[in-house]
Amino acid sequence: MFIRVAEAGKPAFQLRKGEEGISVFDTEAADPPLSEAEVLEGFRAGSQLIFRSREEIEARGLVLVAVPGGTSLPLRLRDAHAEIRRGPSMPRGQFKKMLEELE
């Protein structure tokens, strides 16, 4: 399962200018698996978690790429960090549309 951390009341899967992917955490990339509380601890109060399966993401032609998280994150979150990126030869506009479908 993949967890996206989002600010309450804002789109969770919105690609910003200059971004190539959307940050997520792979709960199974850590041993033991990441807990919801552990992920929330790394972010500001009021953040919400959105859960998507690998199948839900890849069914839209998107790919998951393991990418080390930023140094401000706890080590387990850095190690479990990944990005949702567009599939091969997918135009940016289609990528944004596929991300909207994950909302």
PDB file of N, CA and C in Angstrom:
ATOM      1  N   MET A   1       0.851  -1.177   0.000  1.00  0.00           N
ATOM      2  CA  MET A   1       0.000   0.000   0.000  1.00  0.00           C
ATOM      3  C   MET A   1       0.892   1.234   0.000  1.00  0.00           C
ATOM      4  N   PHE A   2       0.434   2.264  -0.682  1.00  0.00           N
ATOM      5  CA  PHE A   2       1.165   3.527  -0.760  1.00  0.00           C
ATOM      6  C   PHE A   2       0.357   4.612  -0.069  1.00  0.00           C
ATOM      7  N   ILE A   3       1.059   5.457   0.664  1.00  0.00           N
ATOM      8  CA  ILE A   3       0.429   6.542   1.409  1.00  0.00           C
ATOM      9  C   ILE A   3       0.878   7.875   0.840  1.00  0.00           C
ATOM     10  N   ARG A   4      -0.091   8.717   0.571  1.00  0.00           N
ATOM     11  CA  ARG A   4       0.164  10.096   0.157  1.00  0.00           C
ATOM     12  C   ARG A   4      -0.229  10.981   1.334  1.00  0.00           C
ATOM     13  N   VAL A   5       0.649  11.903   1.723  1.00  0.00           N
ATOM     14  CA  VAL A   5       0.350  12.852   2.788  1.00  0.00           C
ATOM     15  C   VAL A   5      -0.111  14.144   2.129  1.00  0.00           C
ATOM     16  N   ALA A   6      -1.259  14.645   2.580  1.00  0.00           N
ATOM     17  CA  ALA A   6      -1.823  15.847   1.963  1.00  0.00           C
ATOM     18  C   ALA A   6      -2.335  16.810   3.029  1.00  0.00           C
ATOM     19  N   GLU A   7      -2.464  18.044   2.620  1.00  0.00           N
ATOM     20  CA  GLU A   7      -3.036  19.064   3.485  1.00  0.00           C
ATOM     21  C   GLU A   7      -4.558  18.970   3.360  1.00  0.00           C
ATOM     22  N   ALA A   8      -5.227  18.959   4.493  1.00  0.00           N
ATOM     23  CA  ALA A   8      -6.691  18.853   4.496  1.00  0.00           C
ATOM     24  C   ALA A   8      -7.312  19.963   3.653  1.00  0.00           C
ATOM     25  N   GLY A   9      -8.298  19.601   2.841  1.00  0.00           N
ATOM     26  CA  GLY A   9      -9.015  20.568   2.026  1.00  0.00           C
ATOM     27  C   GLY A   9      -8.358  20.916   0.708  1.00  0.00           C
ATOM     28  N   LYS A  10      -7.198  20.328   0.420  1.00  0.00           N
ATOM     29  CA  LYS A  10      -6.500  20.601  -0.843  1.00  0.00           C
ATOM     30  C   LYS A  10      -6.360  19.299  -1.631  1.00  0.00           C
ATOM     31  N   PRO A  11      -6.278  19.403  -2.969  1.00  0.00           N
ATOM     32  CA  PRO A  11      -6.103  18.183  -3.765  1.00  0.00           C
ATOM     33  C   PRO A  11      -4.838  17.439  -3.343  1.00  0.00           C
ATOM     34  N   ALA A  12      -4.932  16.136  -3.234  1.00  0.00           N
ATOM     35  CA  ALA A  12      -3.801  15.334  -2.782  1.00  0.00           C
ATOM     36  C   ALA A  12      -2.859  14.932  -3.917  1.00  0.00           C
ATOM     37  N   PHE A  13      -3.371  14.869  -5.121  1.00  0.00           N
ATOM     38  CA  PHE A  13      -2.578  14.370  -6.240  1.00  0.00           C
ATOM     39  C   PHE A  13      -2.417  15.430  -7.327  1.00  0.00           C
ATOM     40  N   GLN A  14      -2.141  16.641  -6.928  1.00  0.00           N
ATOM     41  CA  GLN A  14      -1.978  17.734  -7.883  1.00  0.00           C
ATOM     42  C   GLN A  14      -0.495  17.962  -8.152  1.00  0.00           C
ATOM     43  N   LEU A  15      -0.121  17.861  -9.397  1.00  0.00           N
ATOM     44  CA  LEU A  15       1.261  18.068  -9.824  1.00  0.00           C
ATOM     45  C   LEU A  15       1.531  19.557  -9.926  1.00  0.00           C
ATOM     46  N   ARG A  16       2.581  19.999  -9.288  1.00  0.00           N
ATOM     47  CA  ARG A  16       2.945  21.424  -9.341  1.00  0.00           C
ATOM     48  C   ARG A  16       3.945  21.674 -10.455  1.00  0.00           C
ATOM     49  N   LYS A  17       4.027  22.919 -10.854  1.00  0.00           N
ATOM     50  CA  LYS A  17       4.955  23.310 -11.911  1.00  0.00           C
ATOM     51  C   LYS A  17       6.377  22.884 -11.540  1.00  0.00           C
ATOM     52  N   GLY A  18       7.037  22.243 -12.471  1.00  0.00           N
ATOM     53  CA  GLY A  18       8.411  21.815 -12.270  1.00  0.00           C
ATOM     54  C   GLY A  18       8.561  20.446 -11.624  1.00  0.00           C
ATOM     55  N   GLU A  19       7.485  19.889 -11.090  1.00  0.00           N
ATOM     56  CA  GLU A  19       7.560  18.564 -10.469  1.00  0.00           C
ATOM     57  C   GLU A  19       7.453  17.472 -11.526  1.00  0.00           C
ATOM     58  N   GLU A  20       8.192  16.411 -11.308  1.00  0.00           N
ATOM     59  CA  GLU A  20       8.147  15.260 -12.218  1.00  0.00           C
ATOM     60  C   GLU A  20       7.363  14.100 -11.630  1.00  0.00           C
ATOM     61  N   GLY A  21       7.037  14.196 -10.339  1.00  0.00           N
ATOM     62  CA  GLY A  21       6.316  13.114  -9.695  1.00  0.00           C
ATOM     63  C   GLY A  21       5.651  13.566  -8.412  1.00  0.00           C
ATOM     64  N   ILE A  22       4.826  12.685  -7.881  1.00  0.00           N
ATOM     65  CA  ILE A  22       4.083  12.927  -6.643  1.00  0.00           C
ATOM     66  C   ILE A  22       4.676  12.012  -5.561  1.00  0.00           C
ATOM     67  N   SER A  23       5.061  12.580  -4.439  1.00  0.00           N
ATOM     68  CA  SER A  23       5.661  11.821  -3.345  1.00  0.00           C
ATOM     69  C   SER A  23       4.646  10.933  -2.644  1.00  0.00           C
ATOM     70  N   VAL A  24       5.069   9.702  -2.375  1.00  0.00           N
ATOM     71  CA  VAL A  24       4.279   8.745  -1.614  1.00  0.00           C
ATOM     72  C   VAL A  24       5.242   7.925  -0.758  1.00  0.00           C
ATOM     73  N   PHE A  25       4.672   7.161   0.172  1.00  0.00           N
ATOM     74  CA  PHE A  25       5.464   6.264   1.001  1.00  0.00           C
ATOM     75  C   PHE A  25       4.938   4.846   0.818  1.00  0.00           C
ATOM     76  N   ASP A  26       5.862   3.925   0.574  1.00  0.00           N
ATOM     77  CA  ASP A  26       5.535   2.515   0.400  1.00  0.00           C
ATOM     78  C   ASP A  26       5.577   1.861   1.772  1.00  0.00           C
ATOM     79  N   THR A  27       4.422   1.515   2.314  1.00  0.00           N
ATOM     80  CA  THR A  27       4.363   0.973   3.666  1.00  0.00           C
ATOM     81  C   THR A  27       5.147  -0.330   3.789  1.00  0.00           C
ATOM     82  N   GLU A  28       5.269  -1.076   2.696  1.00  0.00           N
ATOM     83  CA  GLU A  28       5.944  -2.377   2.732  1.00  0.00           C
ATOM     84  C   GLU A  28       7.449  -2.267   2.496  1.00  0.00           C
ATOM     85  N   ALA A  29       7.950  -1.076   2.206  1.00  0.00           N
ATOM     86  CA  ALA A  29       9.386  -0.911   1.953  1.00  0.00           C
ATOM     87  C   ALA A  29      10.180  -0.890   3.250  1.00  0.00           C
ATOM     88  N   ALA A  30       9.503  -0.773   4.375  1.00  0.00           N
ATOM     89  CA  ALA A  30      10.166  -0.754   5.682  1.00  0.00           C
ATOM     90  C   ALA A  30       9.858  -2.052   6.416  1.00  0.00           C
ATOM     91  N   ASP A  31      10.766  -2.453   7.302  1.00  0.00           N
ATOM     92  CA  ASP A  31      10.549  -3.656   8.094  1.00  0.00           C
ATOM     93  C   ASP A  31      10.770  -3.320   9.563  1.00  0.00           C
ATOM     94  N   PRO A  32       9.728  -3.340  10.366  1.00  0.00           N
ATOM     95  CA  PRO A  32       8.340  -3.677  10.059  1.00  0.00           C
ATOM     96  C   PRO A  32       7.689  -2.595   9.200  1.00  0.00           C
ATOM     97  N   PRO A  33       6.543  -2.920   8.550  1.00  0.00           N
ATOM     98  CA  PRO A  33       5.870  -1.938   7.694  1.00  0.00           C
ATOM     99  C   PRO A  33       5.546  -0.642   8.441  1.00  0.00           C
ATOM    100  N   LEU A  34       5.547   0.455   7.700  1.00  0.00           N
ATOM    101  CA  LEU A  34       5.209   1.759   8.274  1.00  0.00           C
ATOM    102  C   LEU A  34       3.782   1.769   8.795  1.00  0.00           C
ATOM    103  N   SER A  35       3.581   2.440   9.909  1.00  0.00           N
ATOM    104  CA  SER A  35       2.230   2.624  10.452  1.00  0.00           C
ATOM    105  C   SER A  35       1.735   4.020  10.076  1.00  0.00           C
ATOM    106  N   GLU A  36       0.425   4.201  10.151  1.00  0.00           N
ATOM    107  CA  GLU A  36      -0.154   5.521   9.873  1.00  0.00           C
ATOM    108  C   GLU A  36       0.421   6.564  10.825  1.00  0.00           C
ATOM    109  N   ALA A  37       0.498   6.223  12.106  1.00  0.00           N
ATOM    110  CA  ALA A  37       1.008   7.169  13.110  1.00  0.00           C
ATOM    111  C   ALA A  37       2.448   7.561  12.805  1.00  0.00           C
ATOM    112  N   GLU A  38       3.251   6.619  12.388  1.00  0.00           N
ATOM    113  CA  GLU A  38       4.656   6.890  12.075  1.00  0.00           C
ATOM    114  C   GLU A  38       4.778   7.867  10.911  1.00  0.00           C
ATOM    115  N   VAL A  39       3.954   7.699   9.903  1.00  0.00           N
ATOM    116  CA  VAL A  39       3.997   8.602   8.755  1.00  0.00           C
ATOM    117  C   VAL A  39       3.536   9.995   9.180  1.00  0.00           C
ATOM    118  N   LEU A  40       2.443  10.080   9.917  1.00  0.00           N
ATOM    119  CA  LEU A  40       1.920  11.382  10.342  1.00  0.00           C
ATOM    120  C   LEU A  40       2.897  12.155  11.216  1.00  0.00           C
ATOM    121  N   GLU A  41       3.690  11.447  12.019  1.00  0.00           N
ATOM    122  CA  GLU A  41       4.659  12.107  12.896  1.00  0.00           C
ATOM    123  C   GLU A  41       5.670  12.944  12.123  1.00  0.00           C
ATOM    124  N   GLY A  42       5.933  12.579  10.888  1.00  0.00           N
ATOM    125  CA  GLY A  42       6.914  13.294  10.076  1.00  0.00           C
ATOM    126  C   GLY A  42       6.378  14.554   9.414  1.00  0.00           C
ATOM    127  N   PHE A  43       5.080  14.876   9.650  1.00  0.00           N
ATOM    128  CA  PHE A  43       4.455  16.004   8.965  1.00  0.00           C
ATOM    129  C   PHE A  43       3.707  16.899   9.940  1.00  0.00           C
ATOM    130  N   ARG A  44       3.324  18.078   9.470  1.00  0.00           N
ATOM    131  CA  ARG A  44       2.638  19.031  10.351  1.00  0.00           C
ATOM    132  C   ARG A  44       1.257  18.538  10.762  1.00  0.00           C
ATOM    133  N   ALA A  45       0.842  19.030  11.913  1.00  0.00           N
ATOM    134  CA  ALA A  45      -0.471  18.667  12.451  1.00  0.00           C
ATOM    135  C   ALA A  45      -1.562  19.016  11.435  1.00  0.00           C
ATOM    136  N   GLY A  46      -2.562  18.182  11.353  1.00  0.00           N
ATOM    137  CA  GLY A  46      -3.674  18.417  10.432  1.00  0.00           C
ATOM    138  C   GLY A  46      -3.497  17.758   9.080  1.00  0.00           C
ATOM    139  N   SER A  47      -2.332  17.169   8.836  1.00  0.00           N
ATOM    140  CA  SER A  47      -2.123  16.470   7.568  1.00  0.00           C
ATOM    141  C   SER A  47      -3.022  15.238   7.537  1.00  0.00           C
ATOM    142  N   GLN A  48      -3.411  14.853   6.338  1.00  0.00           N
ATOM    143  CA  GLN A  48      -4.241  13.667   6.183  1.00  0.00           C
ATOM    144  C   GLN A  48      -3.530  12.655   5.305  1.00  0.00           C
ATOM    145  N   LEU A  49      -3.885  11.398   5.468  1.00  0.00           N
ATOM    146  CA  LEU A  49      -3.277  10.320   4.696  1.00  0.00           C
ATOM    147  C   LEU A  49      -4.276   9.773   3.698  1.00  0.00           C
ATOM    148  N   ILE A  50      -3.794   9.546   2.485  1.00  0.00           N
ATOM    149  CA  ILE A  50      -4.601   8.951   1.425  1.00  0.00           C
ATOM    150  C   ILE A  50      -3.898   7.659   1.025  1.00  0.00           C
ATOM    151  N   PHE A  51      -4.649   6.581   0.920  1.00  0.00           N
ATOM    152  CA  PHE A  51      -4.088   5.267   0.629  1.00  0.00           C
ATOM    153  C   PHE A  51      -4.478   4.834  -0.777  1.00  0.00           C
ATOM    154  N   ARG A  52      -3.487   4.360  -1.529  1.00  0.00           N
ATOM    155  CA  ARG A  52      -3.733   3.811  -2.860  1.00  0.00           C
ATOM    156  C   ARG A  52      -2.873   2.563  -3.029  1.00  0.00           C
ATOM    157  N   SER A  53      -3.405   1.591  -3.699  1.00  0.00           N
ATOM    158  CA  SER A  53      -2.648   0.364  -3.950  1.00  0.00           C
ATOM    159  C   SER A  53      -1.797   0.524  -5.208  1.00  0.00           C
ATOM    160  N   ARG A  54      -0.807  -0.313  -5.317  1.00  0.00           N
ATOM    161  CA  ARG A  54       0.034  -0.333  -6.520  1.00  0.00           C
ATOM    162  C   ARG A  54      -0.849  -0.554  -7.752  1.00  0.00           C
ATOM    163  N   GLU A  55      -1.833  -1.450  -7.620  1.00  0.00           N
ATOM    164  CA  GLU A  55      -2.713  -1.764  -8.741  1.00  0.00           C
ATOM    165  C   GLU A  55      -3.516  -0.538  -9.188  1.00  0.00           C
ATOM    166  N   GLU A  56      -4.048   0.232  -8.230  1.00  0.00           N
ATOM    167  CA  GLU A  56      -4.808   1.441  -8.573  1.00  0.00           C
ATOM    168  C   GLU A  56      -3.942   2.441  -9.335  1.00  0.00           C
ATOM    169  N   ILE A  57      -2.705   2.559  -8.924  1.00  0.00           N
ATOM    170  CA  ILE A  57      -1.788   3.524  -9.548  1.00  0.00           C
ATOM    171  C   ILE A  57      -1.368   3.047 -10.933  1.00  0.00           C
ATOM    172  N   GLU A  58      -0.912   1.813 -11.019  1.00  0.00           N
ATOM    173  CA  GLU A  58      -0.396   1.297 -12.285  1.00  0.00           C
ATOM    174  C   GLU A  58      -1.488   1.066 -13.317  1.00  0.00           C
ATOM    175  N   ALA A  59      -2.737   0.878 -12.893  1.00  0.00           N
ATOM    176  CA  ALA A  59      -3.852   0.693 -13.827  1.00  0.00           C
ATOM    177  C   ALA A  59      -4.072   1.937 -14.688  1.00  0.00           C
ATOM    178  N   ARG A  60      -3.561   3.066 -14.258  1.00  0.00           N
ATOM    179  CA  ARG A  60      -3.700   4.317 -15.006  1.00  0.00           C
ATOM    180  C   ARG A  60      -2.479   4.612 -15.874  1.00  0.00           C
ATOM    181  N   GLY A  61      -1.601   3.639 -16.003  1.00  0.00           N
ATOM    182  CA  GLY A  61      -0.408   3.814 -16.827  1.00  0.00           C
ATOM    183  C   GLY A  61       0.701   4.571 -16.115  1.00  0.00           C
ATOM    184  N   LEU A  62       0.566   4.747 -14.805  1.00  0.00           N
ATOM    185  CA  LEU A  62       1.569   5.456 -14.017  1.00  0.00           C
ATOM    186  C   LEU A  62       2.577   4.458 -13.471  1.00  0.00           C
ATOM    187  N   VAL A  63       3.752   4.955 -13.122  1.00  0.00           N
ATOM    188  CA  VAL A  63       4.795   4.084 -12.581  1.00  0.00           C
ATOM    189  C   VAL A  63       5.210   4.573 -11.195  1.00  0.00           C
ATOM    190  N   LEU A  64       5.626   3.642 -10.369  1.00  0.00           N
ATOM    191  CA  LEU A  64       6.134   3.948  -9.033  1.00  0.00           C
ATOM    192  C   LEU A  64       7.642   3.772  -9.052  1.00  0.00           C
ATOM    193  N   VAL A  65       8.352   4.800  -8.607  1.00  0.00           N
ATOM    194  CA  VAL A  65       9.808   4.788  -8.617  1.00  0.00           C
ATOM    195  C   VAL A  65      10.300   5.066  -7.203  1.00  0.00           C
ATOM    196  N   ALA A  66      11.124   4.169  -6.659  1.00  0.00           N
ATOM    197  CA  ALA A  66      11.716   4.396  -5.340  1.00  0.00           C
ATOM    198  C   ALA A  66      12.715   5.546  -5.459  1.00  0.00           C
ATOM    199  N   VAL A  67      12.524   6.578  -4.635  1.00  0.00           N
ATOM    200  CA  VAL A  67      13.382   7.761  -4.626  1.00  0.00           C
ATOM    201  C   VAL A  67      13.647   8.103  -3.164  1.00  0.00           C
ATOM    202  N   PRO A  68      14.904   8.223  -2.751  1.00  0.00           N
ATOM    203  CA  PRO A  68      15.163   8.566  -1.353  1.00  0.00           C
ATOM    204  C   PRO A  68      14.453   9.862  -0.961  1.00  0.00           C
ATOM    205  N   GLY A  69      13.855   9.862   0.229  1.00  0.00           N
ATOM    206  CA  GLY A  69      13.166  11.051   0.724  1.00  0.00           C
ATOM    207  C   GLY A  69      14.155  12.093   1.221  1.00  0.00           C
ATOM    208  N   GLY A  70      13.663  13.284   1.450  1.00  0.00           N
ATOM    209  CA  GLY A  70      14.493  14.395   1.914  1.00  0.00           C
ATOM    210  C   GLY A  70      15.073  14.161   3.302  1.00  0.00           C
ATOM    211  N   THR A  71      16.160  14.827   3.577  1.00  0.00           N
ATOM    212  CA  THR A  71      16.867  14.641   4.844  1.00  0.00           C
ATOM    213  C   THR A  71      16.081  15.145   6.048  1.00  0.00           C
ATOM    214  N   SER A  72      15.031  15.917   5.829  1.00  0.00           N
ATOM    215  CA  SER A  72      14.210  16.379   6.952  1.00  0.00           C
ATOM    216  C   SER A  72      13.289  15.274   7.475  1.00  0.00           C
ATOM    217  N   LEU A  73      13.155  14.193   6.717  1.00  0.00           N
ATOM    218  CA  LEU A  73      12.304  13.070   7.120  1.00  0.00           C
ATOM    219  C   LEU A  73      13.068  12.099   8.014  1.00  0.00           C
ATOM    220  N   PRO A  74      12.354  11.411   8.906  1.00  0.00           N
ATOM    221  CA  PRO A  74      12.989  10.339   9.669  1.00  0.00           C
ATOM    222  C   PRO A  74      13.522   9.269   8.705  1.00  0.00           C
ATOM    223  N   LEU A  75      14.550   8.552   9.121  1.00  0.00           N
ATOM    224  CA  LEU A  75      15.218   7.586   8.258  1.00  0.00           C
ATOM    225  C   LEU A  75      14.264   6.561   7.644  1.00  0.00           C
ATOM    226  N   ARG A  76      13.357   6.011   8.428  1.00  0.00           N
ATOM    227  CA  ARG A  76      12.439   5.002   7.877  1.00  0.00           C
ATOM    228  C   ARG A  76      11.543   5.585   6.783  1.00  0.00           C
ATOM    229  N   LEU A  77      11.142   6.835   6.930  1.00  0.00           N
ATOM    230  CA  LEU A  77      10.329   7.470   5.879  1.00  0.00           C
ATOM    231  C   LEU A  77      11.180   7.763   4.645  1.00  0.00           C
ATOM    232  N   ARG A  78      12.412   8.196   4.857  1.00  0.00           N
ATOM    233  CA  ARG A  78      13.304   8.436   3.707  1.00  0.00           C
ATOM    234  C   ARG A  78      13.472   7.162   2.893  1.00  0.00           C
ATOM    235  N   ASP A  79      13.676   6.044   3.611  1.00  0.00           N
ATOM    236  CA  ASP A  79      13.904   4.766   2.919  1.00  0.00           C
ATOM    237  C   ASP A  79      12.655   4.244   2.214  1.00  0.00           C
ATOM    238  N   ALA A  80      11.482   4.601   2.707  1.00  0.00           N
ATOM    239  CA  ALA A  80      10.219   4.113   2.126  1.00  0.00           C
ATOM    240  C   ALA A  80       9.631   5.086   1.103  1.00  0.00           C
ATOM    241  N   HIS A  81      10.325   6.167   0.812  1.00  0.00           N
ATOM    242  CA  HIS A  81       9.822   7.196  -0.094  1.00  0.00           C
ATOM    243  C   HIS A  81       9.863   6.729  -1.546  1.00  0.00           C
ATOM    244  N   ALA A  82       8.845   7.123  -2.288  1.00  0.00           N
ATOM    245  CA  ALA A  82       8.767   6.827  -3.721  1.00  0.00           C
ATOM    246  C   ALA A  82       8.030   7.975  -4.399  1.00  0.00           C
ATOM    247  N   GLU A  83       7.999   7.935  -5.712  1.00  0.00           N
ATOM    248  CA  GLU A  83       7.235   8.923  -6.485  1.00  0.00           C
ATOM    249  C   GLU A  83       6.349   8.206  -7.489  1.00  0.00           C
ATOM    250  N   ILE A  84       5.177   8.783  -7.688  1.00  0.00           N
ATOM    251  CA  ILE A  84       4.312   8.362  -8.785  1.00  0.00           C
ATOM    252  C   ILE A  84       4.723   9.229  -9.973  1.00  0.00           C
ATOM    253  N   ARG A  85       5.113   8.579 -11.050  1.00  0.00           N
ATOM    254  CA  ARG A  85       5.549   9.307 -12.253  1.00  0.00           C
ATOM    255  C   ARG A  85       4.754   8.840 -13.463  1.00  0.00           C
ATOM    256  N   ARG A  86       4.836   9.633 -14.500  1.00  0.00           N
ATOM    257  CA  ARG A  86       4.113   9.287 -15.729  1.00  0.00           C
ATOM    258  C   ARG A  86       4.771   8.098 -16.412  1.00  0.00           C
ATOM    259  N   GLY A  87       3.939   7.356 -17.101  1.00  0.00           N
ATOM    260  CA  GLY A  87       4.430   6.208 -17.840  1.00  0.00           C
ATOM    261  C   GLY A  87       5.228   6.642 -19.061  1.00  0.00           C
ATOM    262  N   PRO A  88       5.919   5.683 -19.675  1.00  0.00           N
ATOM    263  CA  PRO A  88       6.715   5.994 -20.867  1.00  0.00           C
ATOM    264  C   PRO A  88       5.868   6.658 -21.954  1.00  0.00           C
ATOM    265  N   SER A  89       6.381   7.713 -22.494  1.00  0.00           N
ATOM    266  CA  SER A  89       5.771   8.498 -23.578  1.00  0.00           C
ATOM    267  C   SER A  89       4.399   9.077 -23.222  1.00  0.00           C
ATOM    268  N   MET A  90       4.074   9.187 -21.942  1.00  0.00           N
ATOM    269  CA  MET A  90       2.804   9.793 -21.514  1.00  0.00           C
ATOM    270  C   MET A  90       2.982  11.314 -21.471  1.00  0.00           C
ATOM    271  N   PRO A  91       2.154  12.060 -22.199  1.00  0.00           N
ATOM    272  CA  PRO A  91       2.244  13.521 -22.154  1.00  0.00           C
ATOM    273  C   PRO A  91       1.906  14.051 -20.744  1.00  0.00           C
ATOM    274  N   ARG A  92       2.470  15.181 -20.403  1.00  0.00           N
ATOM    275  CA  ARG A  92       2.255  15.767 -19.073  1.00  0.00           C
ATOM    276  C   ARG A  92       0.767  16.009 -18.788  1.00  0.00           C
ATOM    277  N   GLY A  93       0.025  16.449 -19.784  1.00  0.00           N
ATOM    278  CA  GLY A  93      -1.408  16.690 -19.607  1.00  0.00           C
ATOM    279  C   GLY A  93      -2.156  15.421 -19.230  1.00  0.00           C
ATOM    280  N   GLN A  94      -1.814  14.319 -19.870  1.00  0.00           N
ATOM    281  CA  GLN A  94      -2.446  13.043 -19.535  1.00  0.00           C
ATOM    282  C   GLN A  94      -2.016  12.594 -18.140  1.00  0.00           C
ATOM    283  N   PHE A  95      -0.760  12.839 -17.791  1.00  0.00           N
ATOM    284  CA  PHE A  95      -0.259  12.510 -16.464  1.00  0.00           C
ATOM    285  C   PHE A  95      -1.088  13.222 -15.396  1.00  0.00           C
ATOM    286  N   LYS A  96      -1.322  14.502 -15.593  1.00  0.00           N
ATOM    287  CA  LYS A  96      -2.114  15.277 -14.633  1.00  0.00           C
ATOM    288  C   LYS A  96      -3.532  14.713 -14.519  1.00  0.00           C
ATOM    289  N   LYS A  97      -4.102  14.319 -15.650  1.00  0.00           N
ATOM    290  CA  LYS A  97      -5.455  13.752 -15.645  1.00  0.00           C
ATOM    291  C   LYS A  97      -5.488  12.428 -14.882  1.00  0.00           C
ATOM    292  N   MET A  98      -4.496  11.591 -15.079  1.00  0.00           N
ATOM    293  CA  MET A  98      -4.436  10.300 -14.387  1.00  0.00           C
ATOM    294  C   MET A  98      -4.258  10.519 -12.882  1.00  0.00           C
ATOM    295  N   LEU A  99      -3.494  11.538 -12.500  1.00  0.00           N
ATOM    296  CA  LEU A  99      -3.339  11.852 -11.079  1.00  0.00           C
ATOM    297  C   LEU A  99      -4.667  12.314 -10.477  1.00  0.00           C
ATOM    298  N   GLU A 100      -5.418  13.114 -11.235  1.00  0.00           N
ATOM    299  CA  GLU A 100      -6.735  13.564 -10.753  1.00  0.00           C
ATOM    300  C   GLU A 100      -7.651  12.381 -10.487  1.00  0.00           C
ATOM    301  N   GLU A 101      -7.534  11.339 -11.282  1.00  0.00           N
ATOM    302  CA  GLU A 101      -8.362  10.149 -11.091  1.00  0.00           C
ATOM    303  C   GLU A 101      -8.037   9.412  -9.795  1.00  0.00           C
ATOM    304  N   LEU A 102      -6.861   9.674  -9.237  1.00  0.00           N
ATOM    305  CA  LEU A 102      -6.485   9.049  -7.964  1.00  0.00           C
ATOM    306  C   LEU A 102      -7.095   9.766  -6.759  1.00  0.00           C
ATOM    307  N   GLU A 103      -7.660  10.956  -6.976  1.00  0.00           N
ATOM    308  CA  GLU A 103      -8.259  11.715  -5.857  1.00  0.00           C
ATOM    309  C   GLU A 103      -9.380  10.938  -5.202  1.00  0.00           C
TER     310      GLU A 103
END
